[in-house]
Amino acid sequence: MINELAKGQRSKNVVLCGVWVGNNKPNIDVFFKPFVDELKKLGNEGFQWQDETGLHTSRVYCAVVSCDAVARCLLQNTHQFNGSFGCGTCLHEGEMVQRGEGFARVYPVKGVNVKRTARGTVHKANEAVRISAVYKGVKGPLVFSVIPKFNIIDGFVPDFMHSVILGVVRQFSKLWFDSQNHVHPF
């Protein structure tokens, strides 16, 4: 979306990078290479345009990436939310708890957790490559980390669908409206 356009024009001028249809997930490095290369060029060199006042050079930057939680892990090359160090914003390892007949990874609040940073995540990616193993949830190279002025951590907006609609809203709806919970004061 181009933020500088009038509000009514923004949704009519959206840049679609690509659509993947397949039985497996795409190789992110290959799939996004043309997009990343173009953003590097537009961010570093910009493009020229002319109007009545003369010739201008403008640069284009990617401010945010909006995707669901599963895609975010692929784009950040990190463990998924249910894996060790799977939180996309902090360095909490999480712990496994029994839930129903299976297990789930939870991230209980225990004091202050160290926040993930772009620089720290790039360092962890380099370390993961060096040791040939996942390091603090980072699996390896980060294709989006080379986009000028893009923050590989803060540049990803929260996943509204999974976090809110299918997460908190669904959980509260079950608690409030499931007849098994009629004895509870909520």
Foldseek 3Di string as FASTA:
>chain_A
DDVVDDPVCVVVDDDDLDDDDDPDDDQCCVSCVVVLVVLQCLAPPADWDADPVGIDGHGDAQQADEDAQVVLCNQLQFDGCQQQLRDLWFLQRFDWDDDPPRIGTDRDDDDDTHTDWQVNSQVQQVVCVVVVQRGSGHNHDRSNSSRPPYTSRVRYDYHCCVPPVVHPVVVVCCCPPPPVNPVDPD
